[in-house]
Amino acid sequence: MTMAKVICALLRYTDDEKSLVIEHEKLRQS
């Protein structure tokens, strides 16, 4: 159970990082 929570947290974290990178790229292109 704890392992699943850790994996979920990691996935959520990487998703947040991805959206941050995407936002940064959008700002740089415009």
PDB file of N, CA and C in Angstrom:
ATOM      1  N   MET A   1       0.836  -1.198   0.000  1.00  0.00           N
ATOM      2  CA  MET A   1       0.000   0.000   0.000  1.00  0.00           C
ATOM      3  C   MET A   1       0.878   1.259   0.000  1.00  0.00           C
ATOM      4  N   THR A   2       1.876   1.272   0.864  1.00  0.00           N
ATOM      5  CA  THR A   2       2.753   2.447   0.918  1.00  0.00           C
ATOM      6  C   THR A   2       3.476   2.644  -0.413  1.00  0.00           C
ATOM      7  N   MET A   3       3.909   1.537  -1.007  1.00  0.00           N
ATOM      8  CA  MET A   3       4.631   1.607  -2.276  1.00  0.00           C
ATOM      9  C   MET A   3       3.744   2.247  -3.343  1.00  0.00           C
ATOM     10  N   ALA A   4       2.483   1.856  -3.379  1.00  0.00           N
ATOM     11  CA  ALA A   4       1.559   2.420  -4.367  1.00  0.00           C
ATOM     12  C   ALA A   4       1.428   3.928  -4.165  1.00  0.00           C
ATOM     13  N   LYS A   5       1.357   4.347  -2.904  1.00  0.00           N
ATOM     14  CA  LYS A   5       1.248   5.784  -2.624  1.00  0.00           C
ATOM     15  C   LYS A   5       2.483   6.515  -3.112  1.00  0.00           C
ATOM     16  N   VAL A   6       3.648   5.909  -2.884  1.00  0.00           N
ATOM     17  CA  VAL A   6       4.905   6.524  -3.326  1.00  0.00           C
ATOM     18  C   VAL A   6       4.915   6.656  -4.845  1.00  0.00           C
ATOM     19  N   ILE A   7       4.506   5.599  -5.535  1.00  0.00           N
ATOM     20  CA  ILE A   7       4.489   5.622  -7.002  1.00  0.00           C
ATOM     21  C   ILE A   7       3.520   6.692  -7.494  1.00  0.00           C
ATOM     22  N   CYS A   8       2.352   6.762  -6.862  1.00  0.00           N
ATOM     23  CA  CYS A   8       1.366   7.775  -7.254  1.00  0.00           C
ATOM     24  C   CYS A   8       1.943   9.174  -7.068  1.00  0.00           C
ATOM     25  N   ALA A   9       2.625   9.371  -5.950  1.00  0.00           N
ATOM     26  CA  ALA A   9       3.218  10.679  -5.670  1.00  0.00           C
ATOM     27  C   ALA A   9       4.259  11.021  -6.729  1.00  0.00           C
ATOM     28  N   LEU A  10       5.081  10.033  -7.091  1.00  0.00           N
ATOM     29  CA  LEU A  10       6.117  10.267  -8.103  1.00  0.00           C
ATOM     30  C   LEU A  10       5.482  10.615  -9.443  1.00  0.00           C
ATOM     31  N   LEU A  11       4.432   9.882  -9.819  1.00  0.00           N
ATOM     32  CA  LEU A  11       3.773  10.140 -11.094  1.00  0.00           C
ATOM     33  C   LEU A  11       3.177  11.543 -11.101  1.00  0.00           C
ATOM     34  N   ARG A  12       2.545  11.906  -9.998  1.00  0.00           N
ATOM     35  CA  ARG A  12       1.953  13.233  -9.913  1.00  0.00           C
ATOM     36  C   ARG A  12       3.038  14.301 -10.016  1.00  0.00           C
ATOM     37  N   TYR A  13       4.174  14.037  -9.375  1.00  0.00           N
ATOM     38  CA  TYR A  13       5.278  14.995  -9.386  1.00  0.00           C
ATOM     39  C   TYR A  13       5.817  15.181 -10.801  1.00  0.00           C
ATOM     40  N   THR A  14       6.013  14.060 -11.511  1.00  0.00           N
ATOM     41  CA  THR A  14       6.543  14.162 -12.868  1.00  0.00           C
ATOM     42  C   THR A  14       5.536  14.870 -13.773  1.00  0.00           C
ATOM     43  N   ASP A  15       4.239  14.638 -13.543  1.00  0.00           N
ATOM     44  CA  ASP A  15       3.223  15.327 -14.337  1.00  0.00           C
ATOM     45  C   ASP A  15       3.316  16.832 -14.105  1.00  0.00           C
ATOM     46  N   ASP A  16       3.485  17.218 -12.846  1.00  0.00           N
ATOM     47  CA  ASP A  16       3.620  18.643 -12.533  1.00  0.00           C
ATOM     48  C   ASP A  16       4.851  19.224 -13.224  1.00  0.00           C
ATOM     49  N   GLU A  17       5.947  18.474 -13.176  1.00  0.00           N
ATOM     50  CA  GLU A  17       7.178  18.946 -13.823  1.00  0.00           C
ATOM     51  C   GLU A  17       6.947  19.119 -15.314  1.00  0.00           C
ATOM     52  N   LYS A  18       6.250  18.156 -15.933  1.00  0.00           N
ATOM     53  CA  LYS A  18       5.984  18.225 -17.371  1.00  0.00           C
ATOM     54  C   LYS A  18       5.197  19.483 -17.706  1.00  0.00           C
ATOM     55  N   SER A  19       4.143  19.757 -16.939  1.00  0.00           N
ATOM     56  CA  SER A  19       3.329  20.937 -17.223  1.00  0.00           C
ATOM     57  C   SER A  19       4.146  22.209 -17.025  1.00  0.00           C
ATOM     58  N   LEU A  20       5.037  22.210 -16.031  1.00  0.00           N
ATOM     59  CA  LEU A  20       5.891  23.376 -15.816  1.00  0.00           C
ATOM     60  C   LEU A  20       6.797  23.591 -17.019  1.00  0.00           C
ATOM     61  N   VAL A  21       7.384  22.514 -17.514  1.00  0.00           N
ATOM     62  CA  VAL A  21       8.270  22.611 -18.672  1.00  0.00           C
ATOM     63  C   VAL A  21       7.484  23.092 -19.884  1.00  0.00           C
ATOM     64  N   ILE A  22       6.275  22.564 -20.067  1.00  0.00           N
ATOM     65  CA  ILE A  22       5.446  22.960 -21.210  1.00  0.00           C
ATOM     66  C   ILE A  22       5.132  24.456 -21.126  1.00  0.00           C
ATOM     67  N   GLU A  23       4.762  24.924 -19.934  1.00  0.00           N
ATOM     68  CA  GLU A  23       4.475  26.350 -19.758  1.00  0.00           C
ATOM     69  C   GLU A  23       5.705  27.182 -20.093  1.00  0.00           C
ATOM     70  N   HIS A  24       6.862  26.734 -19.642  1.00  0.00           N
ATOM     71  CA  HIS A  24       8.107  27.456 -19.894  1.00  0.00           C
ATOM     72  C   HIS A  24       8.380  27.527 -21.393  1.00  0.00           C
ATOM     73  N   GLU A  25       8.172  26.404 -22.083  1.00  0.00           N
ATOM     74  CA  GLU A  25       8.409  26.385 -23.529  1.00  0.00           C
ATOM     75  C   GLU A  25       7.445  27.330 -24.234  1.00  0.00           C
ATOM     76  N   LYS A  26       6.192  27.349 -23.801  1.00  0.00           N
ATOM     77  CA  LYS A  26       5.208  28.243 -24.414  1.00  0.00           C
ATOM     78  C   LYS A  26       5.653  29.689 -24.263  1.00  0.00           C
ATOM     79  N   LEU A  27       6.105  30.045 -23.068  1.00  0.00           N
ATOM     80  CA  LEU A  27       6.534  31.423 -22.825  1.00  0.00           C
ATOM     81  C   LEU A  27       7.732  31.776 -23.691  1.00  0.00           C
ATOM     82  N   ARG A  28       8.635  30.811 -23.877  1.00  0.00           N
ATOM     83  CA  ARG A  28       9.837  31.100 -24.647  1.00  0.00           C
ATOM     84  C   ARG A  28       9.511  31.266 -26.132  1.00  0.00           C
ATOM     85  N   GLN A  29       8.498  30.534 -26.612  1.00  0.00           N
ATOM     86  CA  GLN A  29       8.192  30.604 -28.044  1.00  0.00           C
ATOM     87  C   GLN A  29       7.433  31.875 -28.403  1.00  0.00           C
ATOM     88  N   SER A  30       6.639  32.406 -27.455  1.00  0.00           N
ATOM     89  CA  SER A  30       5.824  33.574 -27.789  1.00  0.00           C
ATOM     90  C   SER A  30       6.585  34.884 -27.617  1.00  0.00           C
TER      91      SER A  30
END
